[in-house]
């Protein structure tokens, strides 16, 4: 691998990854975000773009697609409940990583949110796997883990005995 730090051009890793390395910024990735118009997603896009990443985001409606464009990301129409369409969108974006921020909290409809978390997540993960994506970052909820005094990480077990809905 050669480095061109004078011009700050991306350096492509010759072996096993599709993302590039910029001598000033580090790894530059093509990132696809599902759920970019929510509270976390809309803050995440500028951070990723400022870090030099290429960002593509999906939305199921034209208003969401326009919000994505205003944030500076590429916008692709896709619905988390349409497995075939989602696979097509993820495959076309060819992301190095998928960030899952899908929620349905705006209408305070617990059943819709739970359906999105179950079915939408499954469809997104399946689409990412089918597209060869090796990195998926998924949001979580704090009450999914067993109670404790410290922040939860991957080693903390899920609280599967808690009453529903969560």
N, C-alpha and C. Protein backbone atom coordinates (compact mmCIF):
# COMPACT_ATOMS: atom_id res chain seq x y z
N UNK A 1 0.84 -1.16 0.00
CA UNK A 1 0.00 0.00 0.00
C UNK A 1 0.89 1.23 0.00
N UNK A 2 0.55 2.19 -0.84
CA UNK A 2 1.30 3.43 -0.86
C UNK A 2 0.45 4.54 -0.28
N UNK A 3 1.13 5.56 0.22
CA UNK A 3 0.41 6.65 0.85
C UNK A 3 0.72 7.94 0.14
N UNK A 4 -0.29 8.72 -0.14
CA UNK A 4 -0.11 10.01 -0.76
C UNK A 4 -0.61 11.07 0.21
N UNK A 5 0.15 11.31 1.28
CA UNK A 5 -0.30 12.22 2.33
C UNK A 5 -0.23 13.68 1.90
N UNK A 6 0.56 14.02 0.90
CA UNK A 6 0.64 15.40 0.46
C UNK A 6 -0.69 15.89 -0.10
N UNK A 7 -1.31 15.08 -0.91
CA UNK A 7 -2.57 15.49 -1.54
C UNK A 7 -3.77 15.04 -0.75
N UNK A 8 -3.60 14.19 0.27
CA UNK A 8 -4.72 13.74 1.07
C UNK A 8 -5.69 12.86 0.30
N UNK A 9 -5.22 12.19 -0.73
CA UNK A 9 -6.09 11.33 -1.53
C UNK A 9 -6.33 10.01 -0.83
N UNK A 10 -7.48 9.41 -1.07
CA UNK A 10 -7.75 8.10 -0.46
C UNK A 10 -6.73 7.07 -0.92
N UNK A 11 -6.40 6.19 -0.03
CA UNK A 11 -5.50 5.08 -0.32
C UNK A 11 -6.34 3.82 -0.26
N UNK A 12 -6.43 3.10 -1.33
CA UNK A 12 -7.27 1.91 -1.36
C UNK A 12 -6.51 0.71 -0.82
N UNK A 13 -7.11 0.03 0.13
CA UNK A 13 -6.51 -1.16 0.72
C UNK A 13 -6.53 -2.26 -0.33
N UNK A 14 -5.41 -2.88 -0.64
CA UNK A 14 -5.35 -3.81 -1.75
C UNK A 14 -5.90 -5.20 -1.49
N UNK A 15 -6.25 -5.53 -0.25
CA UNK A 15 -6.57 -6.93 0.01
C UNK A 15 -8.05 -7.19 0.24
N UNK A 16 -8.56 -6.90 1.42
CA UNK A 16 -9.83 -7.50 1.79
C UNK A 16 -10.98 -6.55 2.06
N UNK A 17 -10.84 -5.27 1.84
CA UNK A 17 -11.96 -4.39 2.16
C UNK A 17 -12.25 -3.45 1.01
N UNK A 18 -13.50 -2.99 0.97
CA UNK A 18 -13.92 -2.09 -0.11
C UNK A 18 -13.72 -0.64 0.26
N UNK A 19 -13.50 -0.34 1.54
CA UNK A 19 -13.35 1.06 1.92
C UNK A 19 -11.92 1.50 1.70
N UNK A 20 -11.72 2.81 1.73
CA UNK A 20 -10.39 3.35 1.48
C UNK A 20 -9.84 4.00 2.74
N UNK A 21 -8.57 4.35 2.68
CA UNK A 21 -7.91 5.01 3.79
C UNK A 21 -7.45 6.38 3.31
N UNK A 22 -7.83 7.40 4.02
CA UNK A 22 -7.40 8.76 3.74
C UNK A 22 -6.31 9.06 4.76
N UNK A 23 -5.17 9.54 4.31
CA UNK A 23 -4.04 9.73 5.22
C UNK A 23 -4.33 10.73 6.33
N UNK A 24 -5.29 11.62 6.13
CA UNK A 24 -5.62 12.61 7.17
C UNK A 24 -6.79 12.18 8.03
N UNK A 25 -7.70 11.37 7.52
CA UNK A 25 -8.93 11.05 8.25
C UNK A 25 -9.05 9.60 8.69
N UNK A 26 -8.27 8.71 8.15
CA UNK A 26 -8.40 7.31 8.50
C UNK A 26 -9.28 6.57 7.50
N UNK A 27 -10.04 5.60 7.99
CA UNK A 27 -10.90 4.79 7.11
C UNK A 27 -12.05 5.62 6.57
N UNK A 28 -12.26 5.54 5.29
CA UNK A 28 -13.39 6.19 4.64
C UNK A 28 -14.31 5.07 4.16
N UNK A 29 -15.55 5.10 4.63
CA UNK A 29 -16.47 4.02 4.32
C UNK A 29 -17.69 4.52 3.57
N UNK A 30 -18.30 3.63 2.84
CA UNK A 30 -19.59 3.85 2.22
C UNK A 30 -20.61 3.29 3.22
N UNK A 31 -21.39 4.17 3.83
CA UNK A 31 -22.31 3.79 4.91
C UNK A 31 -23.74 3.96 4.45
N UNK A 32 -24.57 2.97 4.70
CA UNK A 32 -26.00 3.06 4.46
C UNK A 32 -26.70 3.15 5.81
N UNK A 33 -27.59 4.15 5.96
CA UNK A 33 -28.33 4.31 7.20
C UNK A 33 -29.81 4.09 6.92
N UNK A 34 -30.42 3.25 7.73
CA UNK A 34 -31.88 3.06 7.71
C UNK A 34 -32.43 3.74 8.95
N UNK A 35 -33.34 4.67 8.77
CA UNK A 35 -33.90 5.40 9.90
C UNK A 35 -33.19 6.73 10.13
N UNK A 36 -32.78 7.37 9.05
CA UNK A 36 -31.99 8.59 9.16
C UNK A 36 -32.82 9.81 9.53
N UNK A 37 -34.12 9.77 9.39
CA UNK A 37 -34.92 10.97 9.67
C UNK A 37 -35.34 11.08 11.13
N UNK A 38 -34.95 10.12 11.94
CA UNK A 38 -35.28 10.17 13.36
C UNK A 38 -34.29 11.00 14.16
N UNK A 39 -34.47 11.01 15.46
CA UNK A 39 -33.68 11.86 16.35
C UNK A 39 -32.19 11.57 16.29
N UNK A 40 -31.80 10.31 16.22
CA UNK A 40 -30.38 9.96 16.17
C UNK A 40 -29.85 10.04 14.75
N UNK A 41 -30.59 9.50 13.80
CA UNK A 41 -30.14 9.45 12.42
C UNK A 41 -29.83 10.81 11.83
N UNK A 42 -30.68 11.78 12.10
CA UNK A 42 -30.46 13.11 11.50
C UNK A 42 -29.25 13.82 12.08
N UNK A 43 -28.79 13.42 13.26
CA UNK A 43 -27.57 13.97 13.84
C UNK A 43 -26.36 13.18 13.34
N UNK A 44 -26.56 11.91 13.09
CA UNK A 44 -25.49 11.03 12.67
C UNK A 44 -24.96 11.36 11.28
N UNK A 45 -25.84 11.72 10.36
CA UNK A 45 -25.42 11.98 8.98
C UNK A 45 -24.36 13.07 8.90
N UNK A 46 -24.56 14.24 9.48
CA UNK A 46 -23.50 15.26 9.38
C UNK A 46 -22.18 14.81 10.01
N UNK A 47 -22.24 14.04 11.08
CA UNK A 47 -21.02 13.55 11.71
C UNK A 47 -20.25 12.63 10.76
N UNK A 48 -20.98 11.73 10.11
CA UNK A 48 -20.33 10.81 9.16
C UNK A 48 -19.78 11.56 7.95
N UNK A 49 -20.56 12.49 7.43
CA UNK A 49 -20.09 13.27 6.28
C UNK A 49 -18.87 14.10 6.64
N UNK A 50 -18.89 14.74 7.81
CA UNK A 50 -17.74 15.54 8.25
C UNK A 50 -16.49 14.68 8.41
N UNK A 51 -16.67 13.40 8.75
CA UNK A 51 -15.54 12.49 8.89
C UNK A 51 -15.06 11.97 7.54
N UNK A 52 -15.74 12.35 6.46
CA UNK A 52 -15.32 11.97 5.12
C UNK A 52 -15.99 10.75 4.54
N UNK A 53 -16.94 10.18 5.26
CA UNK A 53 -17.62 8.98 4.76
C UNK A 53 -18.66 9.33 3.70
N UNK A 54 -18.92 8.38 2.82
CA UNK A 54 -19.99 8.51 1.85
C UNK A 54 -21.24 7.94 2.52
N UNK A 55 -22.32 8.70 2.53
CA UNK A 55 -23.52 8.29 3.24
C UNK A 55 -24.70 8.18 2.28
N UNK A 56 -25.35 7.03 2.33
CA UNK A 56 -26.59 6.78 1.62
C UNK A 56 -27.63 6.44 2.67
N UNK A 57 -28.83 6.97 2.51
CA UNK A 57 -29.88 6.70 3.50
C UNK A 57 -31.16 6.32 2.77
N UNK A 58 -31.96 5.51 3.44
CA UNK A 58 -33.23 5.09 2.84
C UNK A 58 -34.40 5.72 3.58
N UNK A 59 -35.48 5.91 2.83
CA UNK A 59 -36.74 6.36 3.41
C UNK A 59 -37.86 5.79 2.57
N UNK A 60 -39.00 5.58 3.20
CA UNK A 60 -40.14 5.01 2.48
C UNK A 60 -41.01 6.06 1.82
N UNK A 61 -40.77 7.35 2.08
CA UNK A 61 -41.64 8.38 1.48
C UNK A 61 -40.82 9.56 0.95
N UNK A 62 -41.47 10.35 0.11
CA UNK A 62 -40.77 11.46 -0.55
C UNK A 62 -40.32 12.54 0.43
N UNK A 63 -41.10 12.79 1.48
CA UNK A 63 -40.69 13.79 2.47
C UNK A 63 -39.40 13.35 3.16
N UNK A 64 -39.30 12.08 3.50
CA UNK A 64 -38.09 11.55 4.12
C UNK A 64 -36.90 11.62 3.18
N UNK A 65 -37.13 11.30 1.92
CA UNK A 65 -36.05 11.37 0.92
C UNK A 65 -35.54 12.80 0.79
N UNK A 66 -36.43 13.78 0.80
CA UNK A 66 -36.02 15.17 0.72
C UNK A 66 -35.23 15.60 1.96
N UNK A 67 -35.65 15.15 3.14
CA UNK A 67 -34.89 15.47 4.36
C UNK A 67 -33.48 14.89 4.29
N UNK A 68 -33.36 13.69 3.74
CA UNK A 68 -32.05 13.05 3.59
C UNK A 68 -31.16 13.90 2.68
N UNK A 69 -31.71 14.33 1.57
CA UNK A 69 -30.94 15.16 0.63
C UNK A 69 -30.50 16.47 1.28
N UNK A 70 -31.38 17.08 2.07
CA UNK A 70 -31.03 18.33 2.74
C UNK A 70 -29.89 18.13 3.74
N UNK A 71 -29.79 16.92 4.30
CA UNK A 71 -28.69 16.60 5.22
C UNK A 71 -27.37 16.40 4.48
N UNK A 72 -27.44 16.22 3.15
CA UNK A 72 -26.23 16.04 2.36
C UNK A 72 -25.93 14.61 1.97
N UNK A 73 -26.82 13.68 2.31
CA UNK A 73 -26.61 12.27 1.98
C UNK A 73 -27.33 11.92 0.68
N UNK A 74 -26.95 10.81 0.08
CA UNK A 74 -27.68 10.26 -1.05
C UNK A 74 -28.94 9.60 -0.53
N UNK A 75 -30.05 9.83 -1.21
CA UNK A 75 -31.34 9.30 -0.76
C UNK A 75 -31.83 8.20 -1.70
N UNK A 76 -32.27 7.09 -1.10
CA UNK A 76 -32.76 5.95 -1.86
C UNK A 76 -34.11 5.52 -1.29
N UNK A 77 -35.13 5.38 -2.14
CA UNK A 77 -36.42 4.92 -1.62
C UNK A 77 -36.39 3.43 -1.29
N UNK A 78 -36.83 3.11 -0.09
CA UNK A 78 -36.93 1.70 0.34
C UNK A 78 -37.79 1.65 1.59
N UNK A 79 -38.48 0.55 1.75
CA UNK A 79 -39.35 0.34 2.91
C UNK A 79 -38.87 -0.91 3.65
N UNK A 80 -38.70 -0.79 4.95
CA UNK A 80 -38.20 -1.91 5.76
C UNK A 80 -39.14 -3.11 5.74
N UNK A 81 -40.41 -2.90 5.37
CA UNK A 81 -41.37 -4.00 5.30
C UNK A 81 -41.45 -4.62 3.90
N UNK A 82 -40.63 -4.17 2.98
CA UNK A 82 -40.58 -4.72 1.62
C UNK A 82 -39.22 -5.39 1.44
N UNK A 83 -39.11 -6.68 1.79
CA UNK A 83 -37.81 -7.36 1.74
C UNK A 83 -37.11 -7.27 0.38
N UNK A 84 -37.85 -7.49 -0.70
CA UNK A 84 -37.23 -7.47 -2.02
C UNK A 84 -36.72 -6.08 -2.37
N UNK A 85 -37.52 -5.07 -2.12
CA UNK A 85 -37.11 -3.69 -2.40
C UNK A 85 -35.94 -3.26 -1.54
N UNK A 86 -35.94 -3.68 -0.30
CA UNK A 86 -34.85 -3.35 0.62
C UNK A 86 -33.56 -4.02 0.17
N UNK A 87 -33.65 -5.27 -0.24
CA UNK A 87 -32.45 -5.97 -0.74
C UNK A 87 -31.88 -5.25 -1.95
N UNK A 88 -32.77 -4.83 -2.84
CA UNK A 88 -32.33 -4.12 -4.04
C UNK A 88 -31.64 -2.81 -3.68
N UNK A 89 -32.21 -2.05 -2.75
CA UNK A 89 -31.64 -0.77 -2.36
C UNK A 89 -30.28 -0.94 -1.68
N UNK A 90 -30.17 -1.90 -0.78
CA UNK A 90 -28.91 -2.13 -0.08
C UNK A 90 -27.85 -2.63 -1.06
N UNK A 91 -28.23 -3.53 -1.92
CA UNK A 91 -27.30 -4.06 -2.91
C UNK A 91 -26.79 -2.96 -3.83
N UNK A 92 -27.68 -2.10 -4.30
CA UNK A 92 -27.29 -1.01 -5.20
C UNK A 92 -26.36 -0.02 -4.50
N UNK A 93 -26.56 0.21 -3.21
CA UNK A 93 -25.71 1.15 -2.46
C UNK A 93 -24.33 0.56 -2.20
N UNK A 94 -24.23 -0.75 -2.18
CA UNK A 94 -22.96 -1.46 -1.94
C UNK A 94 -22.21 -0.90 -0.73
N UNK A 95 -22.88 -0.84 0.42
CA UNK A 95 -22.22 -0.24 1.58
C UNK A 95 -21.18 -1.14 2.21
N UNK A 96 -20.20 -0.50 2.87
CA UNK A 96 -19.24 -1.22 3.70
C UNK A 96 -19.87 -1.52 5.06
N UNK A 97 -20.80 -0.67 5.46
CA UNK A 97 -21.47 -0.82 6.76
C UNK A 97 -22.91 -0.34 6.64
N UNK A 98 -23.78 -0.96 7.43
CA UNK A 98 -25.18 -0.54 7.54
C UNK A 98 -25.40 -0.10 8.98
N UNK A 99 -26.03 1.06 9.13
CA UNK A 99 -26.39 1.55 10.46
C UNK A 99 -27.90 1.50 10.57
N UNK A 100 -28.37 0.78 11.58
CA UNK A 100 -29.80 0.55 11.80
C UNK A 100 -30.30 1.54 12.86
N UNK A 101 -31.13 2.48 12.41
CA UNK A 101 -31.76 3.45 13.31
C UNK A 101 -33.27 3.43 13.14
N UNK A 102 -33.82 2.34 12.63
CA UNK A 102 -35.25 2.26 12.38
C UNK A 102 -36.06 2.28 13.67
N UNK A 103 -37.01 3.19 13.74
CA UNK A 103 -37.98 3.23 14.83
C UNK A 103 -39.28 3.77 14.27
N UNK A 104 -40.32 3.67 15.04
CA UNK A 104 -41.62 4.23 14.67
C UNK A 104 -42.21 4.89 15.90
N UNK A 105 -41.48 5.81 16.47
CA UNK A 105 -41.87 6.40 17.75
C UNK A 105 -42.75 7.64 17.60
N UNK A 106 -42.76 8.27 16.44
CA UNK A 106 -43.46 9.54 16.27
C UNK A 106 -44.96 9.45 16.60
N UNK A 107 -45.58 8.34 16.26
CA UNK A 107 -47.02 8.21 16.49
C UNK A 107 -47.36 7.54 17.81
N UNK A 108 -46.36 7.23 18.61
CA UNK A 108 -46.55 6.56 19.91
C UNK A 108 -47.41 5.30 19.77
N UNK A 109 -47.13 4.56 18.70
CA UNK A 109 -47.85 3.31 18.43
C UNK A 109 -46.91 2.15 18.76
N UNK A 110 -47.08 1.57 19.95
CA UNK A 110 -46.18 0.52 20.42
C UNK A 110 -46.17 -0.68 19.49
N UNK A 111 -47.33 -1.06 18.97
CA UNK A 111 -47.39 -2.23 18.09
C UNK A 111 -46.62 -1.98 16.79
N UNK A 112 -46.77 -0.78 16.22
CA UNK A 112 -46.03 -0.45 14.99
C UNK A 112 -44.52 -0.45 15.26
N UNK A 113 -44.13 0.09 16.39
CA UNK A 113 -42.71 0.11 16.76
C UNK A 113 -42.18 -1.30 16.93
N UNK A 114 -42.92 -2.14 17.63
CA UNK A 114 -42.48 -3.52 17.84
C UNK A 114 -42.41 -4.28 16.53
N UNK A 115 -43.37 -4.06 15.64
CA UNK A 115 -43.33 -4.72 14.33
C UNK A 115 -42.10 -4.28 13.54
N UNK A 116 -41.81 -2.98 13.57
CA UNK A 116 -40.64 -2.48 12.86
C UNK A 116 -39.35 -3.07 13.45
N UNK A 117 -39.32 -3.15 14.77
CA UNK A 117 -38.12 -3.72 15.41
C UNK A 117 -37.95 -5.20 15.07
N UNK A 118 -39.03 -5.93 14.95
CA UNK A 118 -38.94 -7.36 14.61
C UNK A 118 -38.74 -7.56 13.12
N UNK A 119 -39.73 -7.17 12.33
CA UNK A 119 -39.72 -7.45 10.90
C UNK A 119 -38.74 -6.56 10.13
N UNK A 120 -38.76 -5.27 10.44
CA UNK A 120 -37.87 -4.35 9.75
C UNK A 120 -36.40 -4.68 9.99
N UNK A 121 -36.09 -5.00 11.23
CA UNK A 121 -34.71 -5.39 11.56
C UNK A 121 -34.31 -6.64 10.81
N UNK A 122 -35.18 -7.65 10.84
CA UNK A 122 -34.89 -8.90 10.13
C UNK A 122 -34.65 -8.64 8.65
N UNK A 123 -35.52 -7.83 8.03
CA UNK A 123 -35.38 -7.53 6.60
C UNK A 123 -34.10 -6.77 6.31
N UNK A 124 -33.75 -5.83 7.18
CA UNK A 124 -32.53 -5.05 6.97
C UNK A 124 -31.28 -5.92 7.12
N UNK A 125 -31.26 -6.76 8.12
CA UNK A 125 -30.12 -7.66 8.31
C UNK A 125 -30.00 -8.63 7.14
N UNK A 126 -31.12 -9.19 6.70
CA UNK A 126 -31.10 -10.10 5.55
C UNK A 126 -30.60 -9.39 4.29
N UNK A 127 -31.05 -8.14 4.08
CA UNK A 127 -30.61 -7.38 2.91
C UNK A 127 -29.11 -7.10 2.99
N UNK A 128 -28.64 -6.75 4.16
CA UNK A 128 -27.21 -6.47 4.33
C UNK A 128 -26.39 -7.73 4.08
N UNK A 129 -26.83 -8.85 4.63
CA UNK A 129 -26.11 -10.11 4.41
C UNK A 129 -26.09 -10.46 2.93
N UNK A 130 -27.23 -10.31 2.25
CA UNK A 130 -27.30 -10.64 0.83
C UNK A 130 -26.39 -9.75 0.00
N UNK A 131 -26.15 -8.53 0.45
CA UNK A 131 -25.28 -7.59 -0.27
C UNK A 131 -23.82 -7.75 0.12
N UNK A 132 -23.53 -8.67 1.03
CA UNK A 132 -22.15 -8.91 1.43
C UNK A 132 -21.61 -7.92 2.46
N UNK A 133 -22.50 -7.22 3.12
CA UNK A 133 -22.08 -6.26 4.14
C UNK A 133 -21.55 -7.02 5.35
N UNK A 134 -20.39 -6.60 5.84
CA UNK A 134 -19.78 -7.31 6.96
C UNK A 134 -19.90 -6.57 8.28
N UNK A 135 -20.42 -5.33 8.24
CA UNK A 135 -20.56 -4.53 9.46
C UNK A 135 -21.97 -3.98 9.55
N UNK A 136 -22.63 -4.24 10.66
CA UNK A 136 -23.95 -3.68 10.93
C UNK A 136 -23.90 -3.09 12.34
N UNK A 137 -24.28 -1.84 12.44
CA UNK A 137 -24.37 -1.17 13.73
C UNK A 137 -25.86 -0.95 13.99
N UNK A 138 -26.34 -1.46 15.11
CA UNK A 138 -27.76 -1.35 15.41
C UNK A 138 -27.96 -0.61 16.73
N UNK A 139 -28.93 0.27 16.71
CA UNK A 139 -29.26 0.94 17.96
C UNK A 139 -29.89 -0.06 18.91
N UNK A 140 -29.85 0.26 20.15
CA UNK A 140 -30.45 -0.58 21.16
C UNK A 140 -31.27 0.30 22.08
N UNK A 141 -31.90 -0.33 23.02
CA UNK A 141 -32.67 0.40 24.01
C UNK A 141 -32.15 0.00 25.39
N UNK A 142 -32.06 0.96 26.26
CA UNK A 142 -31.41 0.71 27.55
C UNK A 142 -32.13 -0.34 28.38
N UNK A 143 -33.44 -0.42 28.25
CA UNK A 143 -34.17 -1.36 29.10
C UNK A 143 -34.19 -2.78 28.55
N UNK A 144 -33.43 -3.04 27.50
CA UNK A 144 -33.35 -4.40 26.97
C UNK A 144 -32.43 -5.28 27.81
N UNK A 145 -31.56 -4.65 28.59
CA UNK A 145 -30.57 -5.39 29.36
C UNK A 145 -31.00 -5.56 30.81
N UNK A 146 -30.41 -6.56 31.45
CA UNK A 146 -30.70 -6.75 32.87
C UNK A 146 -30.28 -5.50 33.63
N UNK A 147 -31.04 -5.12 34.64
CA UNK A 147 -30.72 -3.91 35.39
C UNK A 147 -29.34 -4.00 36.04
N UNK A 148 -28.70 -2.85 36.16
CA UNK A 148 -27.38 -2.79 36.79
C UNK A 148 -26.99 -1.35 37.06
N UNK A 149 -25.89 -1.18 37.75
CA UNK A 149 -25.43 0.15 38.11
C UNK A 149 -24.55 0.79 37.05
N UNK A 150 -23.97 -0.01 36.16
CA UNK A 150 -23.05 0.50 35.15
C UNK A 150 -23.70 0.45 33.77
N UNK A 151 -23.16 1.24 32.81
CA UNK A 151 -23.67 1.15 31.44
C UNK A 151 -23.53 -0.28 30.91
N UNK A 152 -24.49 -0.70 30.10
CA UNK A 152 -24.47 -2.05 29.53
C UNK A 152 -23.58 -2.09 28.30
N UNK A 153 -22.88 -3.20 28.12
CA UNK A 153 -22.14 -3.47 26.90
C UNK A 153 -22.55 -4.85 26.40
N UNK A 154 -21.84 -5.38 25.42
CA UNK A 154 -22.21 -6.65 24.81
C UNK A 154 -22.15 -7.84 25.76
N UNK A 155 -21.48 -7.68 26.89
CA UNK A 155 -21.36 -8.80 27.83
C UNK A 155 -22.53 -8.89 28.79
N UNK A 156 -23.36 -7.84 28.87
CA UNK A 156 -24.50 -7.82 29.79
C UNK A 156 -25.65 -8.60 29.15
N UNK A 157 -26.24 -9.56 29.87
CA UNK A 157 -27.32 -10.35 29.29
C UNK A 157 -28.59 -9.53 29.10
N UNK A 158 -29.39 -9.96 28.13
CA UNK A 158 -30.69 -9.34 27.89
C UNK A 158 -31.65 -9.69 29.02
N UNK A 159 -32.55 -8.78 29.30
CA UNK A 159 -33.55 -8.99 30.33
C UNK A 159 -34.79 -9.62 29.69
N UNK A 160 -34.71 -10.92 29.43
CA UNK A 160 -35.80 -11.61 28.72
C UNK A 160 -37.01 -11.88 29.57
N UNK A 161 -36.92 -11.66 30.87
CA UNK A 161 -38.05 -11.93 31.76
C UNK A 161 -38.91 -10.71 32.04
N UNK A 162 -38.56 -9.57 31.49
CA UNK A 162 -39.32 -8.34 31.76
C UNK A 162 -40.70 -8.41 31.12
N UNK A 163 -41.65 -7.74 31.75
CA UNK A 163 -43.02 -7.68 31.22
C UNK A 163 -43.05 -6.90 29.91
N UNK A 164 -43.96 -7.28 29.03
CA UNK A 164 -44.18 -6.59 27.76
C UNK A 164 -45.32 -5.61 27.93
N UNK A 165 -45.48 -4.57 27.15
CA UNK A 165 -44.54 -4.15 26.11
C UNK A 165 -43.37 -3.42 26.72
N UNK A 166 -42.32 -3.36 25.98
CA UNK A 166 -41.11 -2.68 26.42
C UNK A 166 -40.96 -1.41 25.66
